Amino acid sequence: MQGTVTCGSWIRRPENLNLVVLGKSLKKRDSASPSVLEIFSFDPQTASLSNSPQVTYVFEETEGEPVTIAVHPSGDDFVCSTSKGGCKLLELSGQETKLKLLARELPPLHDAGPQNCMAFSVDGSKFATGGVDGRLRILEWPSLRIILDEAKAHNSVRDMDFSLDSEFLASTSTDGSARIWKAEDGSAVATLTRNSDEKIELCRFSKDGMKPFLFCAVQKGDKAVTSVYDISTWKKIGYKRLLRKPAAIMSISLDGKYLALGSKDGDVCVAEVKTMEVSHLSRRLHLGTCIASLEFCPSQR
């Protein structure tokens, strides 16, 4: 594979077909090469991607590199934030062997600047973005009506996630704070309580349809823990040491059974949500580098 992968995501398509979209920077020394988005097919038998992309989209040089990708639950479109050119909507059509990508502008996010994180609600009716500049937006989808545009929601938005019922959005800040918003009208619901030595860094709502919780990766002094909040009161009900080192990214499986954490030096651990026990630990998957994207396959193990 040519170039440096900067971000990636699964695309869930009908007939249990899974695709992977990768954002790549093709920068070469002394020359400016445009960045690309490439979509590969995935073979669950060999757990590998197709040798060459099914479809490629080339960015304008003025748009910079792809920073983060959010895929709509339908698998028909996704949004890509770039380092210089705001956000772009890409529509996917056709069958696996004849895929087409059509780029469209997103007027409310045209000059939004780089986004640290973006997310679609589980029901696909809302889209949220969290900017490097601390600005938080919630848009209705696909009408793009602005529900919330909070310029100073955070110092700089670190992470975000929608609840299973699409009612709430949780967001975290680089300064260690975390806030809860009502997705329907953008009203602020709560700020999560934390001790003075705690930084809430990452957040994921439980997705198994049982009693709903919010999981947060928290740095507690020099200790890394995963805290659990009850979403009926937004009070902390306990914590567990899972990864045992600072987490860079957090992910939850589509069926809600598993929670995964990626470290800042290339380790990944997977815990069973029911027991909150680590079921799988892989060290040095990406040797000495911070894990930037981590996501469970939508329909395979």
C-alpha atoms as a PDB file:
ATOM      1  CA  MET A   1       0.000   0.000   0.000  1.00  0.00           C
ATOM      2  CA  GLN A   2       1.398   3.342  -1.003  1.00  0.00           C
ATOM      3  CA  GLY A   3       1.305   6.351   1.272  1.00  0.00           C
ATOM      4  CA  THR A   4       0.643   6.826   4.987  1.00  0.00           C
ATOM      5  CA  VAL A   5      -2.782   5.877   6.319  1.00  0.00           C
ATOM      6  CA  THR A   6      -4.149   8.816   8.346  1.00  0.00           C
ATOM      7  CA  CYS A   7      -7.636   7.492   9.212  1.00  0.00           C
ATOM      8  CA  GLY A   8      -9.964   4.618   8.415  1.00  0.00           C
ATOM      9  CA  SER A   9     -13.383   3.103   9.020  1.00  0.00           C
ATOM     10  CA  TRP A  10     -15.607   0.137   8.215  1.00  0.00           C
ATOM     11  CA  ILE A  11     -18.504   0.625   5.803  1.00  0.00           C
ATOM     12  CA  ARG A  12     -21.413  -1.716   6.447  1.00  0.00           C
ATOM     13  CA  ARG A  13     -23.195  -2.551   3.183  1.00  0.00           C
ATOM     14  CA  PRO A  14     -26.251  -4.717   2.481  1.00  0.00           C
ATOM     15  CA  GLU A  15     -25.860  -8.534   2.109  1.00  0.00           C
ATOM     16  CA  ASN A  16     -23.424  -8.583   5.045  1.00  0.00           C
ATOM     17  CA  LEU A  17     -20.744  -7.115   2.827  1.00  0.00           C
ATOM     18  CA  ASN A  18     -18.116  -5.080   4.637  1.00  0.00           C
ATOM     19  CA  LEU A  19     -15.885  -2.511   2.999  1.00  0.00           C
ATOM     20  CA  VAL A  20     -13.022  -0.507   4.488  1.00  0.00           C
ATOM     21  CA  VAL A  21     -12.355   3.144   3.681  1.00  0.00           C
ATOM     22  CA  LEU A  22      -8.832   4.461   4.283  1.00  0.00           C
ATOM     23  CA  GLY A  23      -7.661   8.065   4.144  1.00  0.00           C
ATOM     24  CA  LYS A  24      -4.083   8.355   2.924  1.00  0.00           C
ATOM     25  CA  SER A  25      -1.451  11.017   2.683  1.00  0.00           C
ATOM     26  CA  LEU A  26       0.771  10.481  -0.357  1.00  0.00           C
ATOM     27  CA  LYS A  27       3.252  13.218   0.521  1.00  0.00           C
ATOM     28  CA  LYS A  28       6.632  12.692  -1.022  1.00  0.00           C
ATOM     29  CA  ARG A  29       9.726  14.570  -0.061  1.00  0.00           C
ATOM     30  CA  ASP A  30      10.195  17.780  -2.012  1.00  0.00           C
ATOM     31  CA  SER A  31       6.910  17.376  -3.904  1.00  0.00           C
ATOM     32  CA  ALA A  32       3.280  17.922  -3.074  1.00  0.00           C
ATOM     33  CA  SER A  33       1.111  14.917  -3.869  1.00  0.00           C
ATOM     34  CA  PRO A  34      -2.630  15.019  -3.281  1.00  0.00           C
ATOM     35  CA  SER A  35      -4.176  12.866  -0.559  1.00  0.00           C
ATOM     36  CA  VAL A  36      -6.663  10.104  -1.386  1.00  0.00           C
ATOM     37  CA  LEU A  37      -9.551   8.076  -0.011  1.00  0.00           C
ATOM     38  CA  GLU A  38      -9.477   4.409  -1.030  1.00  0.00           C
ATOM     39  CA  ILE A  39     -12.225   1.827  -0.537  1.00  0.00           C
ATOM     40  CA  PHE A  40     -11.246  -1.837  -0.256  1.00  0.00           C
ATOM     41  CA  SER A  41     -13.361  -4.972  -0.011  1.00  0.00           C
ATOM     42  CA  PHE A  42     -12.794  -7.214   3.035  1.00  0.00           C
ATOM     43  CA  ASP A  43     -12.582 -11.003   2.991  1.00  0.00           C
ATOM     44  CA  PRO A  44     -13.682 -12.418   6.382  1.00  0.00           C
ATOM     45  CA  GLN A  45     -12.217 -15.859   5.570  1.00  0.00           C
ATOM     46  CA  THR A  46      -8.655 -14.556   5.280  1.00  0.00           C
ATOM     47  CA  ALA A  47      -9.273 -11.382   7.359  1.00  0.00           C
ATOM     48  CA  SER A  48      -7.606  -9.343   4.631  1.00  0.00           C
ATOM     49  CA  LEU A  49      -8.334  -6.411   2.341  1.00  0.00           C
ATOM     50  CA  SER A  50      -8.432  -6.599  -1.447  1.00  0.00           C
ATOM     51  CA  ASN A  51      -5.029  -6.058  -3.086  1.00  0.00           C
ATOM     52  CA  SER A  52      -6.162  -2.918  -4.836  1.00  0.00           C
ATOM     53  CA  PRO A  53      -8.901  -0.408  -4.002  1.00  0.00           C
ATOM     54  CA  GLN A  54     -12.371  -0.822  -5.539  1.00  0.00           C
ATOM     55  CA  VAL A  55     -12.668   2.943  -5.905  1.00  0.00           C
ATOM     56  CA  THR A  56     -10.426   5.951  -5.196  1.00  0.00           C
ATOM     57  CA  TYR A  57     -11.186   9.613  -4.556  1.00  0.00           C
ATOM     58  CA  VAL A  58      -8.396  12.182  -4.983  1.00  0.00           C
ATOM     59  CA  PHE A  59      -8.446  15.372  -2.902  1.00  0.00           C
ATOM     60  CA  GLU A  60      -7.465  18.797  -4.169  1.00  0.00           C
ATOM     61  CA  GLU A  61      -4.035  19.795  -2.871  1.00  0.00           C
ATOM     62  CA  THR A  62      -5.637  22.776  -1.129  1.00  0.00           C
ATOM     63  CA  GLU A  63      -7.734  20.417   1.031  1.00  0.00           C
ATOM     64  CA  GLY A  64      -4.761  18.875   2.845  1.00  0.00           C
ATOM     65  CA  GLU A  65      -4.879  15.404   4.393  1.00  0.00           C
ATOM     66  CA  PRO A  66      -7.884  13.341   5.557  1.00  0.00           C
ATOM     67  CA  VAL A  67      -8.100  13.634   9.370  1.00  0.00           C
ATOM     68  CA  THR A  68     -11.132  11.620  10.422  1.00  0.00           C
ATOM     69  CA  ILE A  69     -14.003   9.693   8.804  1.00  0.00           C
ATOM     70  CA  ALA A  70     -17.585   9.064   9.971  1.00  0.00           C
ATOM     71  CA  VAL A  71     -19.745   6.556   8.075  1.00  0.00           C
ATOM     72  CA  HIS A  72     -23.552   6.791   8.024  1.00  0.00           C
ATOM     73  CA  PRO A  73     -25.228   3.624   9.452  1.00  0.00           C
ATOM     74  CA  SER A  74     -26.825   2.970   6.034  1.00  0.00           C
ATOM     75  CA  GLY A  75     -23.353   2.632   4.490  1.00  0.00           C
ATOM     76  CA  ASP A  76     -24.478   4.850   1.609  1.00  0.00           C
ATOM     77  CA  ASP A  77     -22.465   7.925   2.517  1.00  0.00           C
ATOM     78  CA  PHE A  78     -19.676   9.122   4.771  1.00  0.00           C
ATOM     79  CA  VAL A  79     -18.099  12.396   5.828  1.00  0.00           C
ATOM     80  CA  CYS A  80     -14.359  13.068   5.763  1.00  0.00           C
ATOM     81  CA  SER A  81     -12.730  15.967   7.605  1.00  0.00           C
ATOM     82  CA  THR A  82      -9.532  17.336   6.075  1.00  0.00           C
ATOM     83  CA  SER A  83      -6.622  19.238   7.592  1.00  0.00           C
ATOM     84  CA  LYS A  84      -7.243  22.342   5.455  1.00  0.00           C
ATOM     85  CA  GLY A  85     -10.540  22.071   3.622  1.00  0.00           C
ATOM     86  CA  GLY A  86     -13.372  21.563   6.098  1.00  0.00           C
ATOM     87  CA  CYS A  87     -15.641  18.520   5.677  1.00  0.00           C
ATOM     88  CA  LYS A  88     -16.653  16.668   2.542  1.00  0.00           C
ATOM     89  CA  LEU A  89     -19.607  14.351   1.983  1.00  0.00           C
ATOM     90  CA  LEU A  90     -18.975  11.286  -0.176  1.00  0.00           C
ATOM     91  CA  GLU A  91     -21.848   9.215  -1.545  1.00  0.00           C
ATOM     92  CA  LEU A  92     -21.239   5.557  -2.336  1.00  0.00           C
ATOM     93  CA  SER A  93     -23.276   3.701  -4.949  1.00  0.00           C
ATOM     94  CA  GLY A  94     -23.106   0.523  -7.035  1.00  0.00           C
ATOM     95  CA  GLN A  95     -22.194  -3.083  -6.248  1.00  0.00           C
ATOM     96  CA  GLU A  96     -18.928  -4.317  -4.733  1.00  0.00           C
ATOM     97  CA  THR A  97     -17.134  -4.650  -8.065  1.00  0.00           C
ATOM     98  CA  LYS A  98     -18.551  -1.448  -9.572  1.00  0.00           C
ATOM     99  CA  LEU A  99     -18.491   1.077  -6.775  1.00  0.00           C
ATOM    100  CA  LYS A 100     -18.801   4.790  -7.477  1.00  0.00           C
ATOM    101  CA  LEU A 101     -17.955   7.735  -5.207  1.00  0.00           C
ATOM    102  CA  LEU A 102     -19.570  11.114  -5.636  1.00  0.00           C
ATOM    103  CA  ALA A 103     -18.224  14.065  -3.635  1.00  0.00           C
ATOM    104  CA  ARG A 104     -20.596  16.749  -2.386  1.00  0.00           C
ATOM    105  CA  GLU A 105     -20.099  19.915  -0.389  1.00  0.00           C
ATOM    106  CA  LEU A 106     -21.471  20.215   3.155  1.00  0.00           C
ATOM    107  CA  PRO A 107     -22.383  23.919   3.314  1.00  0.00           C
ATOM    108  CA  PRO A 108     -22.582  24.187   7.157  1.00  0.00           C
ATOM    109  CA  LEU A 109     -19.122  22.580   7.468  1.00  0.00           C
ATOM    110  CA  HIS A 110     -17.442  23.972   4.369  1.00  0.00           C
ATOM    111  CA  ASP A 111     -14.884  26.063   6.294  1.00  0.00           C
ATOM    112  CA  ALA A 112     -15.176  24.278   9.619  1.00  0.00           C
ATOM    113  CA  GLY A 113     -11.432  23.651   9.921  1.00  0.00           C
ATOM    114  CA  PRO A 114     -10.030  20.307  11.078  1.00  0.00           C
ATOM    115  CA  GLN A 115     -12.307  18.145  13.238  1.00  0.00           C
ATOM    116  CA  ASN A 116     -10.848  15.877  15.939  1.00  0.00           C
ATOM    117  CA  CYS A 117     -13.910  13.632  15.892  1.00  0.00           C
ATOM    118  CA  MET A 118     -17.230  13.127  14.097  1.00  0.00           C
ATOM    119  CA  ALA A 119     -20.126  10.744  14.664  1.00  0.00           C
ATOM    120  CA  PHE A 120     -23.497   9.745  13.258  1.00  0.00           C
ATOM    121  CA  SER A 121     -26.286   8.824  15.670  1.00  0.00           C
ATOM    122  CA  VAL A 122     -27.236   5.135  15.763  1.00  0.00           C
ATOM    123  CA  ASP A 123     -30.545   5.844  13.960  1.00  0.00           C
ATOM    124  CA  GLY A 124     -28.724   7.959  11.333  1.00  0.00           C
ATOM    125  CA  SER A 125     -30.840  11.074  11.922  1.00  0.00           C
ATOM    126  CA  LYS A 126     -28.112  13.246  13.506  1.00  0.00           C
ATOM    127  CA  PHE A 127     -24.497  14.063  12.706  1.00  0.00           C
ATOM    128  CA  ALA A 128     -22.076  15.660  15.182  1.00  0.00           C
ATOM    129  CA  THR A 129     -18.612  17.174  14.748  1.00  0.00           C
ATOM    130  CA  GLY A 130     -16.043  18.232  17.340  1.00  0.00           C
ATOM    131  CA  GLY A 131     -13.436  20.738  16.208  1.00  0.00           C
ATOM    132  CA  VAL A 132      -9.797  21.202  17.137  1.00  0.00           C
ATOM    133  CA  ASP A 133     -11.004  24.749  17.980  1.00  0.00           C
ATOM    134  CA  GLY A 134     -13.461  23.417  20.621  1.00  0.00           C
ATOM    135  CA  ARG A 135     -16.564  24.019  18.538  1.00  0.00           C
ATOM    136  CA  LEU A 136     -19.299  21.384  18.754  1.00  0.00           C
ATOM    137  CA  ARG A 137     -21.999  21.040  16.113  1.00  0.00           C
ATOM    138  CA  ILE A 138     -25.039  18.767  15.863  1.00  0.00           C
ATOM    139  CA  LEU A 139     -26.811  18.663  12.482  1.00  0.00           C
ATOM    140  CA  GLU A 140     -30.030  16.978  11.469  1.00  0.00           C
ATOM    141  CA  TRP A 141     -29.381  14.376   8.750  1.00  0.00           C
ATOM    142  CA  PRO A 142     -29.823  14.531   5.789  1.00  0.00           C
ATOM    143  CA  SER A 143     -31.433  18.013   5.885  1.00  0.00           C
ATOM    144  CA  LEU A 144     -28.265  19.544   7.490  1.00  0.00           C
ATOM    145  CA  ARG A 145     -30.445  21.771   9.677  1.00  0.00           C
ATOM    146  CA  ILE A 146     -28.242  23.092  12.498  1.00  0.00           C
ATOM    147  CA  ILE A 147     -29.471  21.858  15.900  1.00  0.00           C
ATOM    148  CA  LEU A 148     -26.440  23.031  17.895  1.00  0.00           C
ATOM    149  CA  ASP A 149     -23.468  25.219  17.035  1.00  0.00           C
ATOM    150  CA  GLU A 150     -21.582  25.812  20.289  1.00  0.00           C
ATOM    151  CA  ALA A 151     -18.366  27.726  19.601  1.00  0.00           C
ATOM    152  CA  LYS A 152     -16.915  27.251  23.095  1.00  0.00           C
ATOM    153  CA  ALA A 153     -18.258  23.822  24.011  1.00  0.00           C
ATOM    154  CA  HIS A 154     -14.740  22.700  24.943  1.00  0.00           C
ATOM    155  CA  ASN A 155     -11.146  23.844  24.996  1.00  0.00           C
ATOM    156  CA  SER A 156     -10.618  21.423  22.078  1.00  0.00           C
ATOM    157  CA  VAL A 157     -12.967  18.491  21.454  1.00  0.00           C
ATOM    158  CA  ARG A 158     -11.227  15.151  22.090  1.00  0.00           C
ATOM    159  CA  ASP A 159     -13.918  12.473  21.603  1.00  0.00           C
ATOM    160  CA  MET A 160     -17.691  11.973  21.205  1.00  0.00           C
ATOM    161  CA  ASP A 161     -20.368   9.296  21.026  1.00  0.00           C
ATOM    162  CA  PHE A 162     -24.156   9.020  20.640  1.00  0.00           C
ATOM    163  CA  SER A 163     -26.233   6.806  22.951  1.00  0.00           C
ATOM    164  CA  LEU A 164     -27.936   3.681  21.574  1.00  0.00           C
ATOM    165  CA  ASP A 165     -31.363   5.388  21.504  1.00  0.00           C
ATOM    166  CA  SER A 166     -29.774   8.433  19.770  1.00  0.00           C
ATOM    167  CA  GLU A 167     -31.100  10.658  22.571  1.00  0.00           C
ATOM    168  CA  PHE A 168     -27.771  11.842  24.037  1.00  0.00           C
ATOM    169  CA  LEU A 169     -24.363  12.935  22.774  1.00  0.00           C
ATOM    170  CA  ALA A 170     -21.353  12.726  25.095  1.00  0.00           C
ATOM    171  CA  SER A 171     -18.261  14.832  24.350  1.00  0.00           C
ATOM    172  CA  THR A 172     -14.856  15.078  26.009  1.00  0.00           C
ATOM    173  CA  SER A 173     -12.273  17.846  25.984  1.00  0.00           C
ATOM    174  CA  THR A 174      -8.482  17.929  25.864  1.00  0.00           C
ATOM    175  CA  ASP A 175      -8.625  19.654  29.283  1.00  0.00           C
ATOM    176  CA  GLY A 176     -10.162  16.514  30.855  1.00  0.00           C
ATOM    177  CA  SER A 177     -13.797  17.617  31.132  1.00  0.00           C
ATOM    178  CA  ALA A 178     -16.824  15.813  29.658  1.00  0.00           C
ATOM    179  CA  ARG A 179     -20.315  17.092  28.811  1.00  0.00           C
ATOM    180  CA  ILE A 180     -23.638  15.520  27.878  1.00  0.00           C
ATOM    181  CA  TRP A 181     -25.998  17.049  25.300  1.00  0.00           C
ATOM    182  CA  LYS A 182     -29.548  16.278  24.228  1.00  0.00           C
ATOM    183  CA  ALA A 183     -29.328  15.403  20.543  1.00  0.00           C
ATOM    184  CA  GLU A 184     -32.881  16.520  19.726  1.00  0.00           C
ATOM    185  CA  ASP A 185     -32.460  20.203  20.651  1.00  0.00           C
ATOM    186  CA  GLY A 186     -28.750  20.563  21.533  1.00  0.00           C
ATOM    187  CA  SER A 187     -29.408  21.525  25.154  1.00  0.00           C
ATOM    188  CA  ALA A 188     -26.636  20.857  27.705  1.00  0.00           C
ATOM    189  CA  VAL A 189     -27.763  18.105  30.101  1.00  0.00           C
ATOM    190  CA  ALA A 190     -24.801  17.545  32.433  1.00  0.00           C
ATOM    191  CA  THR A 191     -21.096  17.957  33.030  1.00  0.00           C
ATOM    192  CA  LEU A 192     -19.603  14.728  34.360  1.00  0.00           C
ATOM    193  CA  THR A 193     -18.141  15.026  37.854  1.00  0.00           C
ATOM    194  CA  ARG A 194     -14.468  14.209  38.318  1.00  0.00           C
ATOM    195  CA  ASN A 195     -11.803  14.618  40.984  1.00  0.00           C
ATOM    196  CA  SER A 196      -9.121  17.271  40.604  1.00  0.00           C
ATOM    197  CA  ASP A 197      -6.544  14.632  39.582  1.00  0.00           C
ATOM    198  CA  GLU A 198      -8.822  13.044  36.948  1.00  0.00           C
ATOM    199  CA  LYS A 199      -8.926  13.720  33.202  1.00  0.00           C
ATOM    200  CA  ILE A 200     -11.820  12.195  31.254  1.00  0.00           C
ATOM    201  CA  GLU A 201     -10.357  11.511  27.824  1.00  0.00           C
ATOM    202  CA  LEU A 202     -12.561   9.138  25.797  1.00  0.00           C
ATOM    203  CA  CYS A 203     -16.236   8.131  25.893  1.00  0.00           C
ATOM    204  CA  ARG A 204     -18.492   5.355  24.559  1.00  0.00           C
ATOM    205  CA  PHE A 205     -22.101   4.547  25.416  1.00  0.00           C
ATOM    206  CA  SER A 206     -23.046   0.916  26.031  1.00  0.00           C
ATOM    207  CA  LYS A 207     -24.764  -0.589  22.983  1.00  0.00           C
ATOM    208  CA  ASP A 208     -26.085  -3.967  24.171  1.00  0.00           C
ATOM    209  CA  GLY A 209     -29.644  -2.767  24.870  1.00  0.00           C
ATOM    210  CA  MET A 210     -29.429  -3.643  28.571  1.00  0.00           C
ATOM    211  CA  LYS A 211     -29.250  -0.992  31.324  1.00  0.00           C
ATOM    212  CA  PRO A 212     -27.506   1.935  29.599  1.00  0.00           C
ATOM    213  CA  PHE A 213     -24.091   3.100  30.779  1.00  0.00           C
ATOM    214  CA  LEU A 214     -21.419   5.509  29.614  1.00  0.00           C
ATOM    215  CA  PHE A 215     -17.837   4.208  29.610  1.00  0.00           C
ATOM    216  CA  CYS A 216     -15.032   6.746  29.907  1.00  0.00           C
ATOM    217  CA  ALA A 217     -11.270   6.302  29.649  1.00  0.00           C
ATOM    218  CA  VAL A 218      -9.922   8.354  32.543  1.00  0.00           C
ATOM    219  CA  GLN A 219      -6.381   9.330  33.471  1.00  0.00           C
ATOM    220  CA  LYS A 220      -6.289   9.346  37.306  1.00  0.00           C
ATOM    221  CA  GLY A 221      -2.906  10.829  38.196  1.00  0.00           C
ATOM    222  CA  ASP A 222      -0.513   8.332  36.627  1.00  0.00           C
ATOM    223  CA  LYS A 223      -3.131   5.545  36.638  1.00  0.00           C
ATOM    224  CA  ALA A 224      -5.315   4.779  33.597  1.00  0.00           C
ATOM    225  CA  VAL A 225      -8.820   3.500  34.393  1.00  0.00           C
ATOM    226  CA  THR A 226     -12.141   2.921  32.630  1.00  0.00           C
ATOM    227  CA  SER A 227     -14.941   4.603  34.591  1.00  0.00           C
ATOM    228  CA  VAL A 228     -18.621   3.677  34.280  1.00  0.00           C
ATOM    229  CA  TYR A 229     -21.418   6.260  34.578  1.00  0.00           C
ATOM    230  CA  ASP A 230     -25.135   5.576  35.055  1.00  0.00           C
ATOM    231  CA  ILE A 231     -26.935   7.571  32.356  1.00  0.00           C
ATOM    232  CA  SER A 232     -30.118   8.061  34.386  1.00  0.00           C
ATOM    233  CA  THR A 233     -28.181  10.151  36.953  1.00  0.00           C
ATOM    234  CA  TRP A 234     -24.837  10.780  35.151  1.00  0.00           C
ATOM    235  CA  LYS A 235     -23.145   9.663  38.389  1.00  0.00           C
ATOM    236  CA  LYS A 236     -20.043   7.474  38.404  1.00  0.00           C
ATOM    237  CA  ILE A 237     -20.812   3.970  39.655  1.00  0.00           C
ATOM    238  CA  GLY A 238     -17.347   2.402  39.498  1.00  0.00           C
ATOM    239  CA  TYR A 239     -14.165   1.917  37.532  1.00  0.00           C
ATOM    240  CA  LYS A 240     -11.899  -0.858  36.287  1.00  0.00           C
ATOM    241  CA  ARG A 241      -8.252  -1.019  35.234  1.00  0.00           C
ATOM    242  CA  LEU A 242      -8.379  -2.617  31.794  1.00  0.00           C
ATOM    243  CA  LEU A 243      -5.569  -1.375  29.553  1.00  0.00           C
ATOM    244  CA  ARG A 244      -3.356  -0.270  32.483  1.00  0.00           C
ATOM    245  CA  LYS A 245      -1.777   2.489  30.400  1.00  0.00           C
ATOM    246  CA  PRO A 246      -3.029   5.747  28.834  1.00  0.00           C
ATOM    247  CA  ALA A 247      -5.614   5.112  26.099  1.00  0.00           C
ATOM    248  CA  ALA A 248      -5.549   6.939  22.777  1.00  0.00           C
ATOM    249  CA  ILE A 249      -8.823   5.568  21.423  1.00  0.00           C
ATOM    250  CA  MET A 250     -11.888   3.611  22.531  1.00  0.00           C
ATOM    251  CA  SER A 251     -14.396   1.528  20.580  1.00  0.00           C
ATOM    252  CA  ILE A 252     -17.474  -0.577  21.278  1.00  0.00           C
ATOM    253  CA  SER A 253     -18.755  -3.430  19.126  1.00  0.00           C
ATOM    254  CA  LEU A 254     -22.023  -2.988  17.228  1.00  0.00           C
ATOM    255  CA  ASP A 255     -23.786  -5.600  19.384  1.00  0.00           C
ATOM    256  CA  GLY A 256     -22.405  -3.904  22.514  1.00  0.00           C
ATOM    257  CA  LYS A 257     -20.743  -7.045  23.876  1.00  0.00           C
ATOM    258  CA  TYR A 258     -17.142  -5.840  23.646  1.00  0.00           C
ATOM    259  CA  LEU A 259     -15.228  -2.699  24.549  1.00  0.00           C
ATOM    260  CA  ALA A 260     -11.772  -2.074  23.058  1.00  0.00           C
ATOM    261  CA  LEU A 261      -9.021   0.353  24.057  1.00  0.00           C
ATOM    262  CA  GLY A 262      -5.945   1.292  22.024  1.00  0.00           C
ATOM    263  CA  SER A 263      -2.900   2.687  23.816  1.00  0.00           C
ATOM    264  CA  LYS A 264      -0.573   5.536  22.947  1.00  0.00           C
ATOM    265  CA  ASP A 265       2.248   3.065  22.264  1.00  0.00           C
ATOM    266  CA  GLY A 266       0.535   0.476  20.062  1.00  0.00           C
ATOM    267  CA  ASP A 267      -1.254  -1.965  22.436  1.00  0.00           C
ATOM    268  CA  VAL A 268      -4.909  -3.033  22.112  1.00  0.00           C
ATOM    269  CA  CYS A 269      -7.080  -4.666  24.760  1.00  0.00           C
ATOM    270  CA  VAL A 270     -10.623  -6.004  24.368  1.00  0.00           C
ATOM    271  CA  ALA A 271     -12.912  -6.440  27.388  1.00  0.00           C
ATOM    272  CA  GLU A 272     -16.236  -8.215  27.724  1.00  0.00           C
ATOM    273  CA  VAL A 273     -18.789  -5.567  28.725  1.00  0.00           C
ATOM    274  CA  LYS A 274     -20.879  -7.975  30.846  1.00  0.00           C
ATOM    275  CA  THR A 275     -17.999  -8.904  33.153  1.00  0.00           C
ATOM    276  CA  MET A 276     -15.672  -5.934  32.513  1.00  0.00           C
ATOM    277  CA  GLU A 277     -12.828  -8.454  32.276  1.00  0.00           C
ATOM    278  CA  VAL A 278     -10.100  -8.336  29.604  1.00  0.00           C
ATOM    279  CA  SER A 279     -10.688 -11.135  27.093  1.00  0.00           C
ATOM    280  CA  HIS A 280      -7.885 -10.261  24.678  1.00  0.00           C
ATOM    281  CA  LEU A 281      -4.676  -8.253  24.885  1.00  0.00           C
ATOM    282  CA  SER A 282      -2.306  -7.605  21.970  1.00  0.00           C
ATOM    283  CA  ARG A 283       0.924  -5.776  22.664  1.00  0.00           C
ATOM    284  CA  ARG A 284       2.875  -3.649  20.212  1.00  0.00           C
ATOM    285  CA  LEU A 285       0.504  -4.071  17.280  1.00  0.00           C
ATOM    286  CA  HIS A 286       1.714  -0.702  16.010  1.00  0.00           C
ATOM    287  CA  LEU A 287       5.125  -0.527  17.574  1.00  0.00           C
ATOM    288  CA  GLY A 288       5.676   2.565  19.673  1.00  0.00           C
ATOM    289  CA  THR A 289       3.041   4.631  17.865  1.00  0.00           C
ATOM    290  CA  CYS A 290      -0.275   6.002  19.001  1.00  0.00           C
ATOM    291  CA  ILE A 291      -3.280   4.040  17.710  1.00  0.00           C
ATOM    292  CA  ALA A 292      -5.382   6.500  15.693  1.00  0.00           C
ATOM    293  CA  SER A 293      -8.338   4.379  14.483  1.00  0.00           C
ATOM    294  CA  LEU A 294      -9.912   1.375  16.209  1.00  0.00           C
ATOM    295  CA  GLU A 295     -13.222  -0.145  15.206  1.00  0.00           C
ATOM    296  CA  PHE A 296     -14.934  -3.535  15.404  1.00  0.00           C
ATOM    297  CA  CYS A 297     -16.012  -5.176  12.157  1.00  0.00           C
ATOM    298  CA  PRO A 298     -19.777  -4.577  11.839  1.00  0.00           C
ATOM    299  CA  SER A 299     -20.851  -8.190  11.195  1.00  0.00           C
ATOM    300  CA  GLN A 300     -17.861 -10.487  11.665  1.00  0.00           C
ATOM    301  CA  ARG A 301     -15.939 -11.415  14.763  1.00  0.00           C
END
